[in-house]
Amino acid sequence: MSRTRGFTIATCTATASAALGLLFSPALGGVSSAQGGGNPDPQKLAAQAQQSLRKATSVRLGYSDRSATAASNNRLPTSMNLAIDRKGNCTGSMTLGGHGGSVDIIKRGTAVWLKPDQTFWRAELPGERGVTASRQFKDRYIHGTTSDQMLSGIANTCDLASLQQAATVSAPSSLKEGLATKLGTTRVVPLTFQVNGLTSTLYVTADKPHRLYRAAQTGPGTNLSLTFTDYNKPVKAVAPAAAQSVDISAVPKLPTS
């Protein structure tokens, strides 16, 4: 099995999936005596944000990893921008670190289409194989299903139900509320806790309905964030035309020299 078919895409999406649990746990529903002006106390505010996420039929997920490790590793994603829903629909893109290129993603149920750019193919396959792949698959989607090893990680990253399950966690005893601030144009209340030397912050919208806007984690070797927008907006995952895609079974058939 070729390296392309077995590793990078699955590794990247699995990394993002793991980050979901890392950022959430053990934040939501925490216990604290801190109070915030005009808002529910921290544990109630966090619980309302959790409930909004769990009830959402769709959401846009922005993933960012600004760590030095991700920036230098072409098997790790540095960013993703994905619209996802409970039906398993997904559309967006992913950028890899270490000049690993970028990949457009479309998912409808179990069907997946990936369109890597030419930089991805050259980074993924050595020498002439990468050059050949970058030409052969230029502006074309690789089509397969989530049962394929290369695409299996996308099943979790692109599934809102999995995301909502990751958001159901136990809580620390030290959830603290900070002063309301703005992230872009969104007014948020930060809720912070520390675990294992890392600082995690949930940014919950100050206005009702209280929703989780961002979850971030910083510390030694860690600088992750997940941003949640477009709650309950329909996800339009349109399958590419047949002429624009090639079956994933064609990938291992590239020349070996």
Protein backbone atom coordinates (compact mmCIF):
# COMPACT_ATOMS: atom_id res chain seq x y z
CA MET A 1 0.00 0.00 0.00
CA SER A 2 1.37 3.40 -0.90
CA ARG A 3 2.25 5.97 1.73
CA THR A 4 -0.34 8.35 0.26
CA ARG A 5 -3.11 5.82 0.52
CA GLY A 6 -2.31 4.85 4.08
CA PHE A 7 -1.12 7.78 6.15
CA THR A 8 -1.22 11.54 5.78
CA ILE A 9 -4.94 12.27 5.33
CA ALA A 10 -5.97 9.74 7.95
CA THR A 11 -3.30 11.04 10.34
CA CYS A 12 -4.33 14.67 9.88
CA THR A 13 -8.01 14.11 10.40
CA ALA A 14 -7.41 11.80 13.35
CA THR A 15 -5.21 14.50 14.90
CA ALA A 16 -8.01 17.03 14.62
CA SER A 17 -10.50 14.56 16.07
CA ALA A 18 -8.22 13.94 19.05
CA ALA A 19 -7.92 17.69 19.57
CA LEU A 20 -11.67 17.93 20.08
CA GLY A 21 -11.54 15.79 23.19
CA LEU A 22 -8.34 17.46 24.38
CA LEU A 23 -9.82 20.94 24.18
CA PHE A 24 -13.15 20.08 25.76
CA SER A 25 -12.05 17.78 28.53
CA PRO A 26 -12.65 18.38 31.31
CA ALA A 27 -14.14 21.84 30.81
CA LEU A 28 -17.88 21.94 30.43
CA GLY A 29 -20.19 22.06 33.41
CA GLY A 30 -17.43 22.93 35.91
CA VAL A 31 -17.85 24.01 39.51
CA SER A 32 -16.70 27.47 40.60
CA SER A 33 -17.69 30.18 43.02
CA ALA A 34 -16.76 32.97 40.59
CA GLN A 35 -19.56 35.19 39.34
CA GLY A 36 -19.82 37.31 36.16
CA GLY A 37 -21.73 40.52 35.68
CA GLY A 38 -25.21 39.85 34.34
CA ASN A 39 -24.47 36.31 33.12
CA PRO A 40 -25.18 32.96 34.79
CA ASP A 41 -22.38 31.69 37.01
CA PRO A 42 -19.56 29.91 35.14
CA GLN A 43 -20.85 26.36 35.42
CA LYS A 44 -24.31 27.33 34.19
CA LEU A 45 -22.88 29.42 31.36
CA ALA A 46 -20.67 26.53 30.26
CA ALA A 47 -23.57 24.09 30.53
CA GLN A 48 -25.74 26.31 28.33
CA ALA A 49 -22.96 26.53 25.75
CA GLN A 50 -22.61 22.75 25.81
CA GLN A 51 -26.34 22.33 25.36
CA SER A 52 -26.37 24.69 22.37
CA LEU A 53 -23.61 22.70 20.71
CA ARG A 54 -25.26 19.37 21.44
CA LYS A 55 -28.57 20.56 19.98
CA ALA A 56 -27.03 22.08 16.84
CA THR A 57 -28.00 20.46 13.55
CA SER A 58 -24.92 21.93 11.88
CA VAL A 59 -21.91 24.12 12.63
CA ARG A 60 -18.82 25.55 10.95
CA LEU A 61 -15.64 24.34 12.61
CA GLY A 62 -12.42 26.31 12.38
CA TYR A 63 -9.36 24.39 13.60
CA SER A 64 -5.97 25.97 14.19
CA ASP A 65 -2.71 24.51 15.50
CA ARG A 66 0.01 27.16 15.81
CA SER A 67 2.53 24.92 17.56
CA ALA A 68 6.05 24.56 16.19
CA THR A 69 5.46 20.82 15.82
CA ALA A 70 2.50 21.25 13.49
CA ALA A 71 4.17 24.04 11.54
CA SER A 72 7.14 21.81 10.69
CA ASN A 73 5.33 18.51 10.09
CA ASN A 74 3.67 17.82 6.74
CA ARG A 75 1.60 15.04 8.31
CA LEU A 76 -0.15 17.39 10.73
CA PRO A 77 -2.88 19.93 9.97
CA THR A 78 -2.22 23.54 10.90
CA SER A 79 -5.73 24.63 10.00
CA MET A 80 -9.13 23.37 8.91
CA ASN A 81 -12.32 25.15 7.93
CA LEU A 82 -15.20 22.70 7.74
CA ALA A 83 -18.98 23.03 7.63
CA ILE A 84 -20.43 19.84 9.16
CA ASP A 85 -23.86 18.48 10.08
CA ARG A 86 -25.54 15.56 11.82
CA LYS A 87 -26.24 13.83 8.51
CA GLY A 88 -22.54 13.31 7.83
CA ASN A 89 -22.28 16.09 5.27
CA CYS A 90 -19.08 18.12 5.24
CA THR A 91 -17.37 20.65 3.04
CA GLY A 92 -14.26 22.76 3.48
CA SER A 93 -10.50 22.59 3.39
CA MET A 94 -7.42 21.56 5.36
CA THR A 95 -3.89 22.98 5.31
CA LEU A 96 -0.89 20.91 6.35
CA GLY A 97 2.28 22.08 8.06
CA GLY A 98 5.83 21.75 6.76
CA HIS A 99 4.85 22.87 3.24
CA GLY A 100 2.63 19.81 2.97
CA GLY A 101 0.08 21.62 0.85
CA SER A 102 -3.68 21.79 1.24
CA VAL A 103 -6.70 19.59 0.54
CA ASP A 104 -10.31 20.48 -0.32
CA ILE A 105 -12.83 18.14 1.30
CA ILE A 106 -16.38 17.12 0.39
CA LYS A 107 -18.27 14.40 2.25
CA ARG A 108 -21.83 13.18 1.75
CA GLY A 109 -22.76 10.34 4.07
CA THR A 110 -20.01 7.75 3.58
CA ALA A 111 -18.85 9.13 0.20
CA VAL A 112 -15.74 11.34 0.28
CA TRP A 113 -14.02 13.52 -2.31
CA LEU A 114 -10.57 15.01 -1.64
CA LYS A 115 -8.79 17.48 -3.92
CA PRO A 116 -5.14 17.80 -2.85
CA ASP A 117 -3.12 20.60 -4.41
CA GLN A 118 0.10 19.95 -6.30
CA THR A 119 2.23 20.80 -3.26
CA PHE A 120 0.52 18.01 -1.32
CA TRP A 121 1.35 15.36 -3.93
CA ARG A 122 4.99 16.45 -4.16
CA ALA A 123 5.32 16.40 -0.36
CA GLU A 124 3.55 13.09 -0.01
CA LEU A 125 5.32 11.07 -2.70
CA PRO A 126 9.08 11.09 -3.22
CA GLY A 127 10.82 12.25 -6.39
CA GLU A 128 9.21 11.65 -9.75
CA ARG A 129 6.21 9.89 -8.21
CA GLY A 130 5.15 13.13 -6.57
CA VAL A 131 5.67 15.11 -9.76
CA THR A 132 3.66 12.54 -11.73
CA ALA A 133 0.84 12.55 -9.19
CA SER A 134 0.72 16.35 -9.05
CA ARG A 135 0.22 16.40 -12.81
CA GLN A 136 -2.09 13.41 -13.10
CA PHE A 137 -4.42 14.55 -10.33
CA LYS A 138 -4.16 18.32 -10.82
CA ASP A 139 -7.54 19.96 -10.07
CA ARG A 140 -9.15 16.53 -9.66
CA TYR A 141 -10.83 14.94 -6.67
CA ILE A 142 -9.89 11.55 -5.27
CA HIS A 143 -13.17 9.71 -4.67
CA GLY A 144 -13.72 6.94 -2.15
CA THR A 145 -15.62 6.09 1.02
CA THR A 146 -14.97 6.35 4.74
CA SER A 147 -14.24 2.61 4.79
CA ASP A 148 -11.00 3.28 2.91
CA GLN A 149 -7.98 3.60 5.18
CA MET A 150 -6.88 6.89 3.65
CA LEU A 151 -10.29 8.44 4.26
CA SER A 152 -11.37 6.80 7.50
CA GLY A 153 -10.24 9.65 9.76
CA ILE A 154 -12.55 12.05 7.94
CA ALA A 155 -15.54 10.09 9.19
CA ASN A 156 -15.02 11.48 12.71
CA THR A 157 -13.70 14.94 11.87
CA CYS A 158 -16.54 15.57 9.43
CA ASP A 159 -19.34 14.23 11.62
CA LEU A 160 -21.17 16.61 13.97
CA ALA A 161 -22.52 13.72 16.02
CA SER A 162 -18.95 12.68 16.89
CA LEU A 163 -18.10 16.27 17.77
CA GLN A 164 -21.12 16.55 20.02
CA GLN A 165 -20.18 13.32 21.76
CA ALA A 166 -16.68 14.68 22.42
CA ALA A 167 -18.27 17.75 24.05
CA THR A 168 -19.97 15.61 26.70
CA VAL A 169 -17.39 15.50 29.44
CA SER A 170 -16.90 15.72 33.18
CA ALA A 171 -15.63 18.94 34.72
CA PRO A 172 -12.80 20.36 36.82
CA SER A 173 -13.33 22.04 40.17
CA SER A 174 -11.65 25.28 39.10
CA LEU A 175 -13.54 26.79 36.18
CA LYS A 176 -12.99 30.56 36.38
CA GLU A 177 -14.84 33.32 34.57
CA GLY A 178 -13.01 36.29 33.11
CA LEU A 179 -14.18 39.68 31.90
CA ALA A 180 -16.28 39.85 28.76
CA THR A 181 -14.28 40.68 25.65
CA LYS A 182 -14.57 40.58 21.86
CA LEU A 183 -13.20 38.06 19.40
CA GLY A 184 -13.66 39.78 16.08
CA THR A 185 -17.20 41.12 16.23
CA THR A 186 -18.45 38.52 18.72
CA ARG A 187 -18.74 39.46 22.39
CA VAL A 188 -17.67 36.50 24.54
CA VAL A 189 -17.08 35.49 28.15
CA PRO A 190 -13.89 33.47 28.77
CA LEU A 191 -14.07 30.44 31.10
CA THR A 192 -10.62 29.13 32.01
CA PHE A 193 -9.15 26.08 33.74
CA GLN A 194 -5.75 24.40 33.95
CA VAL A 195 -4.85 20.73 33.61
CA ASN A 196 -1.40 19.13 33.36
CA GLY A 197 0.35 22.45 32.83
CA LEU A 198 -1.95 23.50 29.99
CA THR A 199 -4.43 26.36 30.06
CA SER A 200 -7.79 25.77 28.38
CA THR A 201 -10.26 28.57 27.71
CA LEU A 202 -13.85 28.32 26.54
CA TYR A 203 -15.15 31.51 24.95
CA VAL A 204 -18.94 31.54 25.32
CA THR A 205 -21.11 34.13 23.59
CA ALA A 206 -22.14 36.81 26.08
CA ASP A 207 -25.55 37.28 24.49
CA LYS A 208 -28.32 34.70 24.49
CA PRO A 209 -28.49 32.04 23.30
CA HIS A 210 -25.16 31.30 24.99
CA ARG A 211 -23.08 29.28 22.54
CA LEU A 212 -19.55 27.99 22.50
CA TYR A 213 -17.68 30.30 20.14
CA ARG A 214 -14.13 29.09 20.68
CA ALA A 215 -12.19 26.51 22.69
CA ALA A 216 -8.46 27.16 23.00
CA GLN A 217 -5.56 25.47 24.75
CA THR A 218 -2.06 26.83 25.28
CA GLY A 219 1.04 25.69 27.12
CA PRO A 220 4.42 24.08 26.47
CA GLY A 221 4.39 22.87 22.86
CA THR A 222 0.64 23.50 22.56
CA ASN A 223 -1.34 26.24 20.84
CA LEU A 224 -4.66 24.84 19.64
CA SER A 225 -8.05 26.42 19.00
CA LEU A 226 -11.45 25.37 17.67
CA THR A 227 -13.92 28.06 16.57
CA PHE A 228 -17.63 27.35 16.16
CA THR A 229 -19.83 29.52 13.93
CA ASP A 230 -22.83 29.19 11.59
CA TYR A 231 -24.89 27.22 14.09
CA ASN A 232 -27.81 25.42 12.39
CA LYS A 233 -27.04 26.70 8.88
CA PRO A 234 -27.55 24.07 6.13
CA VAL A 235 -24.41 22.39 4.81
CA LYS A 236 -24.32 22.25 1.01
CA ALA A 237 -22.01 19.36 0.20
CA VAL A 238 -22.30 19.10 -3.59
CA ALA A 239 -20.64 16.11 -5.20
CA PRO A 240 -18.18 17.03 -7.98
CA ALA A 241 -18.96 16.07 -11.54
CA ALA A 242 -17.73 12.61 -12.50
CA ALA A 243 -15.22 14.12 -14.92
CA GLN A 244 -13.63 16.04 -12.04
CA SER A 245 -12.86 13.00 -9.91
CA VAL A 246 -10.90 9.76 -10.03
CA ASP A 247 -11.44 6.65 -7.95
CA ILE A 248 -9.08 6.21 -5.03
CA SER A 249 -8.05 2.84 -6.42
CA ALA A 250 -6.05 4.73 -9.07
CA VAL A 251 -3.69 6.27 -6.53
CA PRO A 252 -1.43 3.22 -5.89
CA LYS A 253 -1.06 2.67 -9.64
CA LEU A 254 1.41 5.54 -10.03
CA PRO A 255 4.86 4.74 -11.43
CA THR A 256 7.37 3.62 -8.78
CA SER A 257 10.39 5.34 -10.29
